[in-house]
Amino acid sequence: MKEEQTVQTSAGERRIIIRTIGMKKFYNRKGQITQALRGVDIAIFDAEFITVMGPSGSGKSTFFNLIGALDSPTHGRVFIDEVDVAQLTAEELAFLRCRKIGYIFQSYNLIPYMTALENVTTPMAFGGVQTDEARKRGMDLLELVGLKERWFHRPIEMSGGQQQRVAIARALANNPTVLLCDEPTANLDHHTGDEILAILQRLNKERGVTIICATHDHRMMNVCDRLLWIRDGAIERIARRDEVKVELGGID
């Protein structure tokens, strides 16, 4: 049995859910080597809300893919719930992604010919959930995001905000420990974006889900515990929300 790693903080003892050590990523494109990440060390705690910010090309997406086990680092190590991802077989890795991590994408990535309920329950099939239980759980999740009455609608029949709500419900299909959100409000109007933020905050506070959002949306600062800035493939700064001051024209 693995020993859970905890850290003593001002808020008490907290369990680390994601940890990276010297995480680097290189890409080889036609013989030209690009270093996307330059040695990232970070610990993210259980039930924490993290906002990841940085300019385009800074390495946010690469960081996101590596801590979500969607890609592997060139050097360094990634631990998810104290499991070294590099030591897993392809089958074990698929199981970890299915059971531990939910993904929310900027473009929703819903299956167009499926209803909202079918989109939500599809991951449950890979998690071994039986049909009746999957349907009940799917309806409960759609109710959670305020779309229970739209369960039979397909993506083309829904607004962008409704599609993102379905995407959130789908990400919760197998009760993940971590939600990785890639620009979850980028394609939404201001009001709908606020609604999505409220759902994410509720999941974090009421269900204890660890939420990590890569975003350019400064409203995320109002709901997160810590902010992480990435620039040129390295962590430039980490700060608690109460340490950051938003001023006209920038952030201090």
C-alpha atoms as a PDB file:
ATOM      1  CA  MET A   1       0.000   0.000   0.000  1.00  0.00           C
ATOM      2  CA  LYS A   2       1.415   3.411  -0.940  1.00  0.00           C
ATOM      3  CA  GLU A   3       1.956   5.993   1.752  1.00  0.00           C
ATOM      4  CA  GLU A   4       0.090   9.209   1.105  1.00  0.00           C
ATOM      5  CA  GLN A   5       2.328  12.268   1.066  1.00  0.00           C
ATOM      6  CA  THR A   6       1.101  15.173   3.154  1.00  0.00           C
ATOM      7  CA  VAL A   7       2.501  18.615   3.891  1.00  0.00           C
ATOM      8  CA  GLN A   8       2.010  20.730   6.983  1.00  0.00           C
ATOM      9  CA  THR A   9       0.677  24.152   5.973  1.00  0.00           C
ATOM     10  CA  SER A  10      -0.867  27.116   7.767  1.00  0.00           C
ATOM     11  CA  ALA A  11      -4.237  25.474   7.075  1.00  0.00           C
ATOM     12  CA  GLY A  12      -3.124  22.195   8.654  1.00  0.00           C
ATOM     13  CA  GLU A  13      -1.992  18.929   7.121  1.00  0.00           C
ATOM     14  CA  ARG A  14      -2.890  18.599   3.436  1.00  0.00           C
ATOM     15  CA  ARG A  15      -2.569  15.668   1.057  1.00  0.00           C
ATOM     16  CA  ILE A  16      -0.703  16.207  -2.203  1.00  0.00           C
ATOM     17  CA  ILE A  17      -2.771  15.063  -5.191  1.00  0.00           C
ATOM     18  CA  ILE A  18      -0.395  16.058  -8.050  1.00  0.00           C
ATOM     19  CA  ARG A  19       3.359  16.449  -7.764  1.00  0.00           C
ATOM     20  CA  THR A  20       6.022  17.096 -10.404  1.00  0.00           C
ATOM     21  CA  ILE A  21       9.800  16.880 -10.042  1.00  0.00           C
ATOM     22  CA  GLY A  22      12.083  18.510 -12.634  1.00  0.00           C
ATOM     23  CA  MET A  23       9.415  18.157 -15.321  1.00  0.00           C
ATOM     24  CA  LYS A  24      10.797  19.036 -18.772  1.00  0.00           C
ATOM     25  CA  LYS A  25       9.346  18.628 -22.240  1.00  0.00           C
ATOM     26  CA  PHE A  26      11.154  18.831 -25.576  1.00  0.00           C
ATOM     27  CA  TYR A  27       9.588  18.643 -29.019  1.00  0.00           C
ATOM     28  CA  ASN A  28      11.542  17.621 -32.110  1.00  0.00           C
ATOM     29  CA  ARG A  29      10.029  19.126 -35.217  1.00  0.00           C
ATOM     30  CA  LYS A  30      11.994  18.243 -38.344  1.00  0.00           C
ATOM     31  CA  GLY A  31      15.235  18.182 -36.412  1.00  0.00           C
ATOM     32  CA  GLN A  32      14.585  21.442 -34.595  1.00  0.00           C
ATOM     33  CA  ILE A  33      14.405  21.006 -30.828  1.00  0.00           C
ATOM     34  CA  THR A  34      11.963  23.182 -28.892  1.00  0.00           C
ATOM     35  CA  GLN A  35      11.944  23.170 -25.092  1.00  0.00           C
ATOM     36  CA  ALA A  36       8.354  23.675 -23.975  1.00  0.00           C
ATOM     37  CA  LEU A  37       8.935  23.153 -20.242  1.00  0.00           C
ATOM     38  CA  ARG A  38      12.213  23.850 -18.467  1.00  0.00           C
ATOM     39  CA  GLY A  39      12.077  21.924 -15.214  1.00  0.00           C
ATOM     40  CA  VAL A  40       8.805  22.402 -13.323  1.00  0.00           C
ATOM     41  CA  ASP A  41       8.481  21.502  -9.649  1.00  0.00           C
ATOM     42  CA  ILE A  42       5.007  21.889  -8.189  1.00  0.00           C
ATOM     43  CA  ALA A  43       2.784  20.297  -5.549  1.00  0.00           C
ATOM     44  CA  ILE A  44      -0.991  20.639  -5.854  1.00  0.00           C
ATOM     45  CA  PHE A  45      -3.149  19.733  -2.885  1.00  0.00           C
ATOM     46  CA  ASP A  46      -6.335  17.740  -2.576  1.00  0.00           C
ATOM     47  CA  ALA A  47      -9.455  19.964  -2.938  1.00  0.00           C
ATOM     48  CA  GLU A  48      -7.388  22.928  -4.118  1.00  0.00           C
ATOM     49  CA  PHE A  49      -8.492  25.319  -6.878  1.00  0.00           C
ATOM     50  CA  ILE A  50      -5.528  26.355  -9.065  1.00  0.00           C
ATOM     51  CA  THR A  51      -5.577  28.938 -11.858  1.00  0.00           C
ATOM     52  CA  VAL A  52      -2.762  28.627 -14.411  1.00  0.00           C
ATOM     53  CA  MET A  53      -2.050  31.773 -16.388  1.00  0.00           C
ATOM     54  CA  GLY A  54       0.524  32.895 -18.926  1.00  0.00           C
ATOM     55  CA  PRO A  55       0.847  34.268 -22.453  1.00  0.00           C
ATOM     56  CA  SER A  56       0.202  32.123 -25.527  1.00  0.00           C
ATOM     57  CA  GLY A  57       3.172  29.844 -26.161  1.00  0.00           C
ATOM     58  CA  SER A  58       4.320  29.993 -22.545  1.00  0.00           C
ATOM     59  CA  GLY A  59       3.944  26.251 -21.941  1.00  0.00           C
ATOM     60  CA  LYS A  60       0.516  26.231 -20.252  1.00  0.00           C
ATOM     61  CA  SER A  61      -0.958  23.608 -22.570  1.00  0.00           C
ATOM     62  CA  THR A  62       2.098  21.375 -22.285  1.00  0.00           C
ATOM     63  CA  PHE A  63       2.003  21.662 -18.485  1.00  0.00           C
ATOM     64  CA  PHE A  64      -1.694  20.849 -18.580  1.00  0.00           C
ATOM     65  CA  ASN A  65      -1.207  17.752 -20.760  1.00  0.00           C
ATOM     66  CA  LEU A  66       1.616  16.390 -18.605  1.00  0.00           C
ATOM     67  CA  ILE A  67      -0.095  16.728 -15.221  1.00  0.00           C
ATOM     68  CA  GLY A  68      -3.202  15.181 -16.781  1.00  0.00           C
ATOM     69  CA  ALA A  69      -1.248  12.163 -18.052  1.00  0.00           C
ATOM     70  CA  LEU A  70      -2.228  12.980 -21.648  1.00  0.00           C
ATOM     71  CA  ASP A  71       1.473  13.215 -22.544  1.00  0.00           C
ATOM     72  CA  SER A  72       4.782  12.172 -20.983  1.00  0.00           C
ATOM     73  CA  PRO A  73       7.653  14.434 -19.898  1.00  0.00           C
ATOM     74  CA  THR A  74      10.977  14.151 -21.692  1.00  0.00           C
ATOM     75  CA  HIS A  75      12.717  14.390 -18.329  1.00  0.00           C
ATOM     76  CA  GLY A  76      11.462  14.464 -14.754  1.00  0.00           C
ATOM     77  CA  ARG A  77       8.583  12.752 -13.011  1.00  0.00           C
ATOM     78  CA  VAL A  78       4.847  13.251 -12.557  1.00  0.00           C
ATOM     79  CA  PHE A  79       2.944  11.757  -9.630  1.00  0.00           C
ATOM     80  CA  ILE A  80      -0.842  11.621  -9.529  1.00  0.00           C
ATOM     81  CA  ASP A  81      -2.149  10.660  -6.103  1.00  0.00           C
ATOM     82  CA  GLU A  82       1.445   9.545  -5.393  1.00  0.00           C
ATOM     83  CA  VAL A  83       1.485   7.146  -8.358  1.00  0.00           C
ATOM     84  CA  ASP A  84       4.498   7.653 -10.655  1.00  0.00           C
ATOM     85  CA  VAL A  85       2.791   7.929 -14.052  1.00  0.00           C
ATOM     86  CA  ALA A  86       5.926   6.766 -15.906  1.00  0.00           C
ATOM     87  CA  GLN A  87       5.750   3.378 -14.173  1.00  0.00           C
ATOM     88  CA  LEU A  88       2.255   2.562 -15.433  1.00  0.00           C
ATOM     89  CA  THR A  89       1.395   0.290 -18.336  1.00  0.00           C
ATOM     90  CA  ALA A  90      -0.855   1.653 -21.082  1.00  0.00           C
ATOM     91  CA  GLU A  91      -3.802  -0.166 -19.506  1.00  0.00           C
ATOM     92  CA  GLU A  92      -3.038   1.161 -16.020  1.00  0.00           C
ATOM     93  CA  LEU A  93      -2.619   4.675 -17.410  1.00  0.00           C
ATOM     94  CA  ALA A  94      -5.999   4.483 -19.148  1.00  0.00           C
ATOM     95  CA  PHE A  95      -7.567   3.290 -15.882  1.00  0.00           C
ATOM     96  CA  LEU A  96      -5.979   6.168 -13.946  1.00  0.00           C
ATOM     97  CA  ARG A  97      -7.223   8.750 -16.445  1.00  0.00           C
ATOM     98  CA  CYS A  98     -10.694   7.207 -16.409  1.00  0.00           C
ATOM     99  CA  ARG A  99     -11.052   7.073 -12.628  1.00  0.00           C
ATOM    100  CA  LYS A 100      -8.917   9.930 -11.293  1.00  0.00           C
ATOM    101  CA  ILE A 101      -9.141  12.783 -13.821  1.00  0.00           C
ATOM    102  CA  GLY A 102     -11.944  14.614 -15.592  1.00  0.00           C
ATOM    103  CA  TYR A 103     -11.189  16.823 -18.599  1.00  0.00           C
ATOM    104  CA  ILE A 104     -13.082  19.947 -19.679  1.00  0.00           C
ATOM    105  CA  PHE A 105     -12.050  21.391 -23.035  1.00  0.00           C
ATOM    106  CA  GLN A 106     -12.459  24.863 -24.517  1.00  0.00           C
ATOM    107  CA  SER A 107     -14.239  23.439 -27.581  1.00  0.00           C
ATOM    108  CA  TYR A 108     -16.494  21.135 -25.461  1.00  0.00           C
ATOM    109  CA  ASN A 109     -15.601  18.028 -27.559  1.00  0.00           C
ATOM    110  CA  LEU A 110     -19.095  16.574 -27.299  1.00  0.00           C
ATOM    111  CA  ILE A 111     -20.097  13.778 -29.666  1.00  0.00           C
ATOM    112  CA  PRO A 112     -22.488  15.531 -32.081  1.00  0.00           C
ATOM    113  CA  TYR A 113     -24.880  12.659 -32.790  1.00  0.00           C
ATOM    114  CA  MET A 114     -25.365  11.780 -29.103  1.00  0.00           C
ATOM    115  CA  THR A 115     -27.847  13.314 -26.692  1.00  0.00           C
ATOM    116  CA  ALA A 116     -26.675  15.180 -23.614  1.00  0.00           C
ATOM    117  CA  LEU A 117     -27.324  12.091 -21.488  1.00  0.00           C
ATOM    118  CA  GLU A 118     -25.468   9.804 -23.889  1.00  0.00           C
ATOM    119  CA  ASN A 119     -22.486  12.155 -23.906  1.00  0.00           C
ATOM    120  CA  VAL A 120     -22.402  12.166 -20.119  1.00  0.00           C
ATOM    121  CA  THR A 121     -22.732   8.399 -19.710  1.00  0.00           C
ATOM    122  CA  THR A 122     -20.231   7.356 -22.402  1.00  0.00           C
ATOM    123  CA  PRO A 123     -17.195   7.516 -20.039  1.00  0.00           C
ATOM    124  CA  MET A 124     -19.087   5.368 -17.548  1.00  0.00           C
ATOM    125  CA  ALA A 125     -19.006   2.445 -19.969  1.00  0.00           C
ATOM    126  CA  PHE A 126     -15.198   2.517 -19.776  1.00  0.00           C
ATOM    127  CA  GLY A 127     -15.478   2.713 -15.995  1.00  0.00           C
ATOM    128  CA  GLY A 128     -17.556  -0.475 -15.844  1.00  0.00           C
ATOM    129  CA  VAL A 129     -20.801   1.194 -14.737  1.00  0.00           C
ATOM    130  CA  GLN A 130     -23.917  -0.798 -15.607  1.00  0.00           C
ATOM    131  CA  THR A 131     -26.531   0.777 -17.912  1.00  0.00           C
ATOM    132  CA  ASP A 132     -29.263   1.501 -15.337  1.00  0.00           C
ATOM    133  CA  GLU A 133     -26.788   2.966 -12.862  1.00  0.00           C
ATOM    134  CA  ALA A 134     -25.125   4.991 -15.637  1.00  0.00           C
ATOM    135  CA  ARG A 135     -28.447   6.494 -16.673  1.00  0.00           C
ATOM    136  CA  LYS A 136     -29.341   7.423 -13.076  1.00  0.00           C
ATOM    137  CA  ARG A 137     -25.920   8.920 -12.439  1.00  0.00           C
ATOM    138  CA  GLY A 138     -26.030  10.759 -15.765  1.00  0.00           C
ATOM    139  CA  MET A 139     -29.397  12.341 -14.956  1.00  0.00           C
ATOM    140  CA  ASP A 140     -28.127  13.336 -11.514  1.00  0.00           C
ATOM    141  CA  LEU A 141     -25.105  15.026 -13.091  1.00  0.00           C
ATOM    142  CA  LEU A 142     -27.245  16.858 -15.641  1.00  0.00           C
ATOM    143  CA  GLU A 143     -29.426  18.052 -12.762  1.00  0.00           C
ATOM    144  CA  LEU A 144     -26.281  19.223 -10.968  1.00  0.00           C
ATOM    145  CA  VAL A 145     -25.398  21.491 -13.920  1.00  0.00           C
ATOM    146  CA  GLY A 146     -29.010  22.600 -14.452  1.00  0.00           C
ATOM    147  CA  LEU A 147     -29.776  20.613 -17.617  1.00  0.00           C
ATOM    148  CA  LYS A 148     -31.899  17.713 -16.441  1.00  0.00           C
ATOM    149  CA  GLU A 149     -34.787  18.810 -18.674  1.00  0.00           C
ATOM    150  CA  ARG A 150     -32.492  18.927 -21.737  1.00  0.00           C
ATOM    151  CA  TRP A 151     -31.177  15.364 -21.438  1.00  0.00           C
ATOM    152  CA  PHE A 152     -32.489  14.353 -24.892  1.00  0.00           C
ATOM    153  CA  HIS A 153     -31.028  17.358 -26.763  1.00  0.00           C
ATOM    154  CA  ARG A 154     -28.011  16.983 -29.037  1.00  0.00           C
ATOM    155  CA  PRO A 155     -25.140  19.509 -29.041  1.00  0.00           C
ATOM    156  CA  ILE A 156     -26.435  21.349 -32.124  1.00  0.00           C
ATOM    157  CA  GLU A 157     -29.684  22.034 -30.223  1.00  0.00           C
ATOM    158  CA  MET A 158     -27.856  23.647 -27.287  1.00  0.00           C
ATOM    159  CA  SER A 159     -26.108  26.969 -26.698  1.00  0.00           C
ATOM    160  CA  GLY A 160     -22.382  27.151 -26.011  1.00  0.00           C
ATOM    161  CA  GLY A 161     -23.006  27.527 -22.308  1.00  0.00           C
ATOM    162  CA  GLN A 162     -25.284  24.498 -22.245  1.00  0.00           C
ATOM    163  CA  GLN A 163     -22.720  22.444 -24.146  1.00  0.00           C
ATOM    164  CA  GLN A 164     -20.065  23.420 -21.600  1.00  0.00           C
ATOM    165  CA  ARG A 165     -22.406  22.356 -18.795  1.00  0.00           C
ATOM    166  CA  VAL A 166     -22.790  18.964 -20.471  1.00  0.00           C
ATOM    167  CA  ALA A 167     -19.009  18.788 -20.794  1.00  0.00           C
ATOM    168  CA  ILE A 168     -18.669  19.429 -17.056  1.00  0.00           C
ATOM    169  CA  ALA A 169     -21.235  16.719 -16.266  1.00  0.00           C
ATOM    170  CA  ARG A 170     -19.361  14.314 -18.555  1.00  0.00           C
ATOM    171  CA  ALA A 171     -16.056  15.149 -16.842  1.00  0.00           C
ATOM    172  CA  LEU A 172     -17.651  14.107 -13.521  1.00  0.00           C
ATOM    173  CA  ALA A 173     -18.962  10.813 -14.906  1.00  0.00           C
ATOM    174  CA  ASN A 174     -16.583   8.563 -12.970  1.00  0.00           C
ATOM    175  CA  ASN A 175     -16.280  10.696  -9.822  1.00  0.00           C
ATOM    176  CA  PRO A 176     -12.761  12.014 -10.548  1.00  0.00           C
ATOM    177  CA  THR A 177     -10.435  13.419  -7.925  1.00  0.00           C
ATOM    178  CA  VAL A 178      -9.143  16.109 -10.290  1.00  0.00           C
ATOM    179  CA  LEU A 179     -10.799  18.291 -12.936  1.00  0.00           C
ATOM    180  CA  LEU A 180      -8.520  19.772 -15.596  1.00  0.00           C
ATOM    181  CA  CYS A 181     -10.196  22.696 -17.343  1.00  0.00           C
ATOM    182  CA  ASP A 182      -8.689  24.136 -20.509  1.00  0.00           C
ATOM    183  CA  GLU A 183     -10.038  27.682 -21.049  1.00  0.00           C
ATOM    184  CA  PRO A 184     -13.530  26.673 -19.842  1.00  0.00           C
ATOM    185  CA  THR A 185     -15.005  30.178 -20.287  1.00  0.00           C
ATOM    186  CA  ALA A 186     -13.146  31.299 -23.425  1.00  0.00           C
ATOM    187  CA  ASN A 187     -16.012  30.749 -25.883  1.00  0.00           C
ATOM    188  CA  LEU A 188     -18.763  32.045 -23.605  1.00  0.00           C
ATOM    189  CA  ASP A 189     -20.353  35.428 -22.988  1.00  0.00           C
ATOM    190  CA  HIS A 190     -19.674  37.142 -19.667  1.00  0.00           C
ATOM    191  CA  HIS A 191     -22.889  36.037 -17.916  1.00  0.00           C
ATOM    192  CA  THR A 192     -22.596  32.406 -19.032  1.00  0.00           C
ATOM    193  CA  GLY A 193     -18.931  32.396 -18.059  1.00  0.00           C
ATOM    194  CA  ASP A 194     -19.911  33.493 -14.554  1.00  0.00           C
ATOM    195  CA  GLU A 195     -22.365  30.596 -14.355  1.00  0.00           C
ATOM    196  CA  ILE A 196     -19.665  28.096 -15.359  1.00  0.00           C
ATOM    197  CA  LEU A 197     -17.287  29.554 -12.764  1.00  0.00           C
ATOM    198  CA  ALA A 198     -19.993  29.197 -10.108  1.00  0.00           C
ATOM    199  CA  ILE A 199     -20.439  25.508 -10.997  1.00  0.00           C
ATOM    200  CA  LEU A 200     -16.688  24.877 -10.789  1.00  0.00           C
ATOM    201  CA  GLN A 201     -16.473  26.663  -7.462  1.00  0.00           C
ATOM    202  CA  ARG A 202     -19.371  24.620  -6.087  1.00  0.00           C
ATOM    203  CA  LEU A 203     -17.729  21.363  -7.180  1.00  0.00           C
ATOM    204  CA  ASN A 204     -14.535  22.418  -5.455  1.00  0.00           C
ATOM    205  CA  LYS A 205     -16.104  23.599  -2.196  1.00  0.00           C
ATOM    206  CA  GLU A 206     -18.960  21.112  -1.829  1.00  0.00           C
ATOM    207  CA  ARG A 207     -17.506  17.982  -3.411  1.00  0.00           C
ATOM    208  CA  GLY A 208     -13.822  18.543  -2.667  1.00  0.00           C
ATOM    209  CA  VAL A 209     -12.750  18.148  -6.300  1.00  0.00           C
ATOM    210  CA  THR A 210      -9.276  19.480  -7.102  1.00  0.00           C
ATOM    211  CA  ILE A 211      -9.699  21.933  -9.983  1.00  0.00           C
ATOM    212  CA  ILE A 212      -6.887  23.160 -12.233  1.00  0.00           C
ATOM    213  CA  CYS A 213      -7.825  25.747 -14.871  1.00  0.00           C
ATOM    214  CA  ALA A 214      -5.589  26.978 -17.662  1.00  0.00           C
ATOM    215  CA  THR A 215      -7.070  30.339 -18.607  1.00  0.00           C
ATOM    216  CA  HIS A 216      -6.669  33.940 -19.680  1.00  0.00           C
ATOM    217  CA  ASP A 217      -9.857  34.856 -17.796  1.00  0.00           C
ATOM    218  CA  HIS A 218      -8.992  37.046 -14.808  1.00  0.00           C
ATOM    219  CA  ARG A 219     -12.345  36.198 -13.204  1.00  0.00           C
ATOM    220  CA  MET A 220     -10.772  32.866 -12.231  1.00  0.00           C
ATOM    221  CA  MET A 221      -8.753  34.822  -9.695  1.00  0.00           C
ATOM    222  CA  ASN A 222     -11.936  35.390  -7.705  1.00  0.00           C
ATOM    223  CA  VAL A 223     -12.562  31.690  -7.104  1.00  0.00           C
ATOM    224  CA  CYS A 224      -9.136  30.032  -6.936  1.00  0.00           C
ATOM    225  CA  ASP A 225      -6.881  29.298  -3.941  1.00  0.00           C
ATOM    226  CA  ARG A 226      -3.578  29.847  -5.748  1.00  0.00           C
ATOM    227  CA  LEU A 227      -2.443  31.347  -9.050  1.00  0.00           C
ATOM    228  CA  LEU A 228       0.408  29.913 -11.051  1.00  0.00           C
ATOM    229  CA  TRP A 229       2.086  31.944 -13.795  1.00  0.00           C
ATOM    230  CA  ILE A 230       4.041  30.164 -16.527  1.00  0.00           C
ATOM    231  CA  ARG A 231       6.384  32.009 -18.859  1.00  0.00           C
ATOM    232  CA  ASP A 232       8.934  30.616 -21.323  1.00  0.00           C
ATOM    233  CA  GLY A 233       8.361  27.082 -20.065  1.00  0.00           C
ATOM    234  CA  ALA A 234       9.039  27.804 -16.404  1.00  0.00           C
ATOM    235  CA  ILE A 235       6.975  28.736 -13.368  1.00  0.00           C
ATOM    236  CA  GLU A 236       7.497  32.465 -13.014  1.00  0.00           C
ATOM    237  CA  ARG A 237       5.428  32.938  -9.887  1.00  0.00           C
ATOM    238  CA  ILE A 238       3.042  31.162  -7.506  1.00  0.00           C
ATOM    239  CA  ALA A 239       0.802  33.197  -5.217  1.00  0.00           C
ATOM    240  CA  ARG A 240      -2.203  32.785  -2.983  1.00  0.00           C
ATOM    241  CA  ARG A 241      -5.282  34.681  -4.113  1.00  0.00           C
ATOM    242  CA  ASP A 242      -5.062  37.119  -1.208  1.00  0.00           C
ATOM    243  CA  GLU A 243      -1.479  37.981  -2.196  1.00  0.00           C
ATOM    244  CA  VAL A 244      -2.499  39.241  -5.637  1.00  0.00           C
ATOM    245  CA  LYS A 245      -3.740  42.755  -6.325  1.00  0.00           C
ATOM    246  CA  VAL A 246      -5.616  43.487  -9.532  1.00  0.00           C
ATOM    247  CA  GLU A 247      -5.015  47.006 -10.803  1.00  0.00           C
ATOM    248  CA  LEU A 248      -6.070  48.856 -13.928  1.00  0.00           C
ATOM    249  CA  GLY A 249      -3.833  47.661 -16.744  1.00  0.00           C
ATOM    250  CA  GLY A 250      -2.351  44.658 -14.979  1.00  0.00           C
ATOM    251  CA  ILE A 251      -1.873  42.390 -11.997  1.00  0.00           C
ATOM    252  CA  ASP A 252       0.589  42.873  -9.121  1.00  0.00           C
END
